[in-house]
Amino acid sequence: MRIHKFRSFLYKMAKILGDIQAVKSGSSKKMAKRAGRRVVGRAAGKGIRKLFK
């Protein structure tokens, strides 16, 4: 396995574990914050992608 694939795998796992941790906390505020940040992050990523195409 190449380093970049391993690093990508670790980042994906960290993202999933963060989601699990937010859900396990039971705080709807934490879950909403996390979901909102994910939506904003995806929108920003799409905007940046369009900017550099």
PDB file of N, CA and C in Angstrom:
ATOM      1  N   MET A   1       0.852  -1.180   0.000  1.00  0.00           N
ATOM      2  CA  MET A   1       0.000   0.000   0.000  1.00  0.00           C
ATOM      3  C   MET A   1       0.895   1.240   0.000  1.00  0.00           C
ATOM      4  N   ARG A   2       0.579   2.155  -0.868  1.00  0.00           N
ATOM      5  CA  ARG A   2       1.345   3.387  -0.965  1.00  0.00           C
ATOM      6  C   ARG A   2       1.009   4.321   0.199  1.00  0.00           C
ATOM      7  N   ILE A   3       1.917   5.232   0.466  1.00  0.00           N
ATOM      8  CA  ILE A   3       1.734   6.159   1.580  1.00  0.00           C
ATOM      9  C   ILE A   3       0.469   7.010   1.399  1.00  0.00           C
ATOM     10  N   HIS A   4       0.236   7.536   0.188  1.00  0.00           N
ATOM     11  CA  HIS A   4      -0.921   8.414  -0.002  1.00  0.00           C
ATOM     12  C   HIS A   4      -2.242   7.660   0.178  1.00  0.00           C
ATOM     13  N   LYS A   5      -2.280   6.409  -0.188  1.00  0.00           N
ATOM     14  CA  LYS A   5      -3.507   5.633   0.018  1.00  0.00           C
ATOM     15  C   LYS A   5      -3.726   5.354   1.504  1.00  0.00           C
ATOM     16  N   PHE A   6      -2.647   5.083   2.207  1.00  0.00           N
ATOM     17  CA  PHE A   6      -2.738   4.822   3.641  1.00  0.00           C
ATOM     18  C   PHE A   6      -3.180   6.092   4.370  1.00  0.00           C
ATOM     19  N   ARG A   7      -2.620   7.232   3.985  1.00  0.00           N
ATOM     20  CA  ARG A   7      -2.981   8.505   4.604  1.00  0.00           C
ATOM     21  C   ARG A   7      -4.446   8.821   4.338  1.00  0.00           C
ATOM     22  N   SER A   8      -4.892   8.601   3.119  1.00  0.00           N
ATOM     23  CA  SER A   8      -6.279   8.838   2.758  1.00  0.00           C
ATOM     24  C   SER A   8      -7.201   7.951   3.589  1.00  0.00           C
ATOM     25  N   PHE A   9      -6.823   6.707   3.759  1.00  0.00           N
ATOM     26  CA  PHE A   9      -7.594   5.773   4.576  1.00  0.00           C
ATOM     27  C   PHE A   9      -7.692   6.272   6.018  1.00  0.00           C
ATOM     28  N   LEU A  10      -6.575   6.750   6.569  1.00  0.00           N
ATOM     29  CA  LEU A  10      -6.577   7.237   7.948  1.00  0.00           C
ATOM     30  C   LEU A  10      -7.478   8.458   8.108  1.00  0.00           C
ATOM     31  N   TYR A  11      -7.446   9.383   7.140  1.00  0.00           N
ATOM     32  CA  TYR A  11      -8.301  10.563   7.216  1.00  0.00           C
ATOM     33  C   TYR A  11      -9.777  10.179   7.143  1.00  0.00           C
ATOM     34  N   LYS A  12     -10.114   9.221   6.283  1.00  0.00           N
ATOM     35  CA  LYS A  12     -11.503   8.776   6.179  1.00  0.00           C
ATOM     36  C   LYS A  12     -11.958   8.134   7.480  1.00  0.00           C
ATOM     37  N   MET A  13     -11.097   7.325   8.067  1.00  0.00           N
ATOM     38  CA  MET A  13     -11.439   6.677   9.338  1.00  0.00           C
ATOM     39  C   MET A  13     -11.617   7.714  10.440  1.00  0.00           C
ATOM     40  N   ALA A  14     -10.762   8.732  10.464  1.00  0.00           N
ATOM     41  CA  ALA A  14     -10.875   9.780  11.477  1.00  0.00           C
ATOM     42  C   ALA A  14     -12.191  10.530  11.326  1.00  0.00           C
ATOM     43  N   LYS A  15     -12.606  10.756  10.078  1.00  0.00           N
ATOM     44  CA  LYS A  15     -13.869  11.450   9.842  1.00  0.00           C
ATOM     45  C   LYS A  15     -15.039  10.614  10.347  1.00  0.00           C
ATOM     46  N   ILE A  16     -15.006   9.329  10.064  1.00  0.00           N
ATOM     47  CA  ILE A  16     -16.071   8.434  10.518  1.00  0.00           C
ATOM     48  C   ILE A  16     -16.085   8.341  12.039  1.00  0.00           C
ATOM     49  N   LEU A  17     -14.912   8.231  12.642  1.00  0.00           N
ATOM     50  CA  LEU A  17     -14.848   8.149  14.105  1.00  0.00           C
ATOM     51  C   LEU A  17     -15.339   9.438  14.754  1.00  0.00           C
ATOM     52  N   GLY A  18     -15.079  10.580  14.122  1.00  0.00           N
ATOM     53  CA  GLY A  18     -15.591  11.852  14.635  1.00  0.00           C
ATOM     54  C   GLY A  18     -17.110  11.885  14.603  1.00  0.00           C
ATOM     55  N   ASP A  19     -17.692  11.342  13.519  1.00  0.00           N
ATOM     56  CA  ASP A  19     -19.154  11.265  13.424  1.00  0.00           C
ATOM     57  C   ASP A  19     -19.712  10.388  14.537  1.00  0.00           C
ATOM     58  N   ILE A  20     -19.081   9.248  14.740  1.00  0.00           N
ATOM     59  CA  ILE A  20     -19.529   8.314  15.777  1.00  0.00           C
ATOM     60  C   ILE A  20     -19.433   8.961  17.153  1.00  0.00           C
ATOM     61  N   GLN A  21     -18.344   9.675  17.372  1.00  0.00           N
ATOM     62  CA  GLN A  21     -18.156  10.333  18.668  1.00  0.00           C
ATOM     63  C   GLN A  21     -19.235  11.393  18.898  1.00  0.00           C
ATOM     64  N   ALA A  22     -19.580  12.147  17.870  1.00  0.00           N
ATOM     65  CA  ALA A  22     -20.622  13.174  18.005  1.00  0.00           C
ATOM     66  C   ALA A  22     -21.974  12.533  18.314  1.00  0.00           C
ATOM     67  N   VAL A  23     -22.267  11.419  17.666  1.00  0.00           N
ATOM     68  CA  VAL A  23     -23.541  10.732  17.907  1.00  0.00           C
ATOM     69  C   VAL A  23     -23.565  10.129  19.305  1.00  0.00           C
ATOM     70  N   LYS A  24     -22.442   9.530  19.721  1.00  0.00           N
ATOM     71  CA  LYS A  24     -22.384   8.899  21.041  1.00  0.00           C
ATOM     72  C   LYS A  24     -22.515   9.906  22.168  1.00  0.00           C
ATOM     73  N   SER A  25     -22.101  11.157  21.913  1.00  0.00           N
ATOM     74  CA  SER A  25     -22.184  12.168  22.961  1.00  0.00           C
ATOM     75  C   SER A  25     -23.633  12.433  23.337  1.00  0.00           C
ATOM     76  N   GLY A  26     -24.543  12.186  22.382  1.00  0.00           N
ATOM     77  CA  GLY A  26     -25.960  12.371  22.658  1.00  0.00           C
ATOM     78  C   GLY A  26     -26.411  13.810  22.550  1.00  0.00           C
ATOM     79  N   SER A  27     -25.485  14.707  22.305  1.00  0.00           N
ATOM     80  CA  SER A  27     -25.815  16.126  22.202  1.00  0.00           C
ATOM     81  C   SER A  27     -26.257  16.451  20.781  1.00  0.00           C
ATOM     82  N   SER A  28     -27.503  16.864  20.652  1.00  0.00           N
ATOM     83  CA  SER A  28     -27.996  17.203  19.316  1.00  0.00           C
ATOM     84  C   SER A  28     -27.287  18.443  18.778  1.00  0.00           C
ATOM     85  N   LYS A  29     -26.811  19.285  19.671  1.00  0.00           N
ATOM     86  CA  LYS A  29     -26.083  20.487  19.253  1.00  0.00           C
ATOM     87  C   LYS A  29     -24.772  20.102  18.559  1.00  0.00           C
ATOM     88  N   LYS A  30     -24.059  19.126  19.117  1.00  0.00           N
ATOM     89  CA  LYS A  30     -22.799  18.672  18.517  1.00  0.00           C
ATOM     90  C   LYS A  30     -23.032  18.012  17.167  1.00  0.00           C
ATOM     91  N   MET A  31     -24.094  17.209  17.092  1.00  0.00           N
ATOM     92  CA  MET A  31     -24.399  16.534  15.827  1.00  0.00           C
ATOM     93  C   MET A  31     -24.785  17.549  14.753  1.00  0.00           C
ATOM     94  N   ALA A  32     -25.567  18.559  15.122  1.00  0.00           N
ATOM     95  CA  ALA A  32     -25.986  19.583  14.159  1.00  0.00           C
ATOM     96  C   ALA A  32     -24.792  20.400  13.684  1.00  0.00           C
ATOM     97  N   LYS A  33     -23.897  20.728  14.604  1.00  0.00           N
ATOM     98  CA  LYS A  33     -22.693  21.482  14.229  1.00  0.00           C
ATOM     99  C   LYS A  33     -21.868  20.686  13.227  1.00  0.00           C
ATOM    100  N   ARG A  34     -21.698  19.420  13.511  1.00  0.00           N
ATOM    101  CA  ARG A  34     -20.881  18.571  12.641  1.00  0.00           C
ATOM    102  C   ARG A  34     -21.507  18.453  11.256  1.00  0.00           C
ATOM    103  N   ALA A  35     -22.813  18.249  11.206  1.00  0.00           N
ATOM    104  CA  ALA A  35     -23.502  18.136   9.918  1.00  0.00           C
ATOM    105  C   ALA A  35     -23.424  19.453   9.152  1.00  0.00           C
ATOM    106  N   GLY A  36     -23.604  20.552   9.839  1.00  0.00           N
ATOM    107  CA  GLY A  36     -23.522  21.860   9.191  1.00  0.00           C
ATOM    108  C   GLY A  36     -22.145  22.133   8.629  1.00  0.00           C
ATOM    109  N   ARG A  37     -21.135  21.796   9.384  1.00  0.00           N
ATOM    110  CA  ARG A  37     -19.760  22.007   8.917  1.00  0.00           C
ATOM    111  C   ARG A  37     -19.445  21.131   7.717  1.00  0.00           C
ATOM    112  N   ARG A  38     -19.994  19.930   7.694  1.00  0.00           N
ATOM    113  CA  ARG A  38     -19.769  19.046   6.554  1.00  0.00           C
ATOM    114  C   ARG A  38     -20.414  19.617   5.294  1.00  0.00           C
ATOM    115  N   VAL A  39     -21.636  20.136   5.427  1.00  0.00           N
ATOM    116  CA  VAL A  39     -22.330  20.731   4.284  1.00  0.00           C
ATOM    117  C   VAL A  39     -21.555  21.938   3.761  1.00  0.00           C
ATOM    118  N   VAL A  40     -21.108  22.794   4.669  1.00  0.00           N
ATOM    119  CA  VAL A  40     -20.351  23.984   4.270  1.00  0.00           C
ATOM    120  C   VAL A  40     -19.029  23.576   3.624  1.00  0.00           C
ATOM    121  N   GLY A  41     -18.388  22.565   4.163  1.00  0.00           N
ATOM    122  CA  GLY A  41     -17.117  22.088   3.603  1.00  0.00           C
ATOM    123  C   GLY A  41     -17.272  21.544   2.196  1.00  0.00           C
ATOM    124  N   ARG A  42     -18.335  20.806   1.970  1.00  0.00           N
ATOM    125  CA  ARG A  42     -18.580  20.260   0.621  1.00  0.00           C
ATOM    126  C   ARG A  42     -18.857  21.382  -0.366  1.00  0.00           C
ATOM    127  N   ALA A  43     -19.656  22.362   0.060  1.00  0.00           N
ATOM    128  CA  ALA A  43     -19.976  23.484  -0.832  1.00  0.00           C
ATOM    129  C   ALA A  43     -18.717  24.274  -1.157  1.00  0.00           C
ATOM    130  N   ALA A  44     -17.866  24.490  -0.161  1.00  0.00           N
ATOM    131  CA  ALA A  44     -16.620  25.220  -0.391  1.00  0.00           C
ATOM    132  C   ALA A  44     -15.715  24.443  -1.334  1.00  0.00           C
ATOM    133  N   GLY A  45     -15.652  23.130  -1.167  1.00  0.00           N
ATOM    134  CA  GLY A  45     -14.835  22.292  -2.041  1.00  0.00           C
ATOM    135  C   GLY A  45     -15.302  22.353  -3.482  1.00  0.00           C
ATOM    136  N   LYS A  46     -16.626  22.329  -3.687  1.00  0.00           N
ATOM    137  CA  LYS A  46     -17.164  22.418  -5.048  1.00  0.00           C
ATOM    138  C   LYS A  46     -16.864  23.779  -5.654  1.00  0.00           C
ATOM    139  N   GLY A  47     -16.977  24.829  -4.844  1.00  0.00           N
ATOM    140  CA  GLY A  47     -16.693  26.168  -5.347  1.00  0.00           C
ATOM    141  C   GLY A  47     -15.242  26.335  -5.744  1.00  0.00           C
ATOM    142  N   ILE A  48     -14.348  25.810  -4.943  1.00  0.00           N
ATOM    143  CA  ILE A  48     -12.916  25.904  -5.233  1.00  0.00           C
ATOM    144  C   ILE A  48     -12.581  25.076  -6.484  1.00  0.00           C
ATOM    145  N   ARG A  49     -13.212  23.916  -6.592  1.00  0.00           N
ATOM    146  CA  ARG A  49     -12.989  23.078  -7.767  1.00  0.00           C
ATOM    147  C   ARG A  49     -13.399  23.796  -9.054  1.00  0.00           C
ATOM    148  N   LYS A  50     -14.564  24.458  -9.002  1.00  0.00           N
ATOM    149  CA  LYS A  50     -15.040  25.203 -10.184  1.00  0.00           C
ATOM    150  C   LYS A  50     -14.108  26.374 -10.492  1.00  0.00           C
ATOM    151  N   LEU A  51     -13.557  26.973  -9.470  1.00  0.00           N
ATOM    152  CA  LEU A  51     -12.676  28.119  -9.643  1.00  0.00           C
ATOM    153  C   LEU A  51     -11.399  27.734 -10.390  1.00  0.00           C
ATOM    154  N   PHE A  52     -10.892  26.553 -10.130  1.00  0.00           N
ATOM    155  CA  PHE A  52      -9.627  26.120 -10.722  1.00  0.00           C
ATOM    156  C   PHE A  52      -9.784  25.246 -11.955  1.00  0.00           C
ATOM    157  N   LYS A  53     -11.004  25.046 -12.441  1.00  0.00           N
ATOM    158  CA  LYS A  53     -11.211  24.250 -13.661  1.00  0.00           C
ATOM    159  C   LYS A  53     -11.014  25.097 -14.879  1.00  0.00           C
TER     160      LYS A  53
END
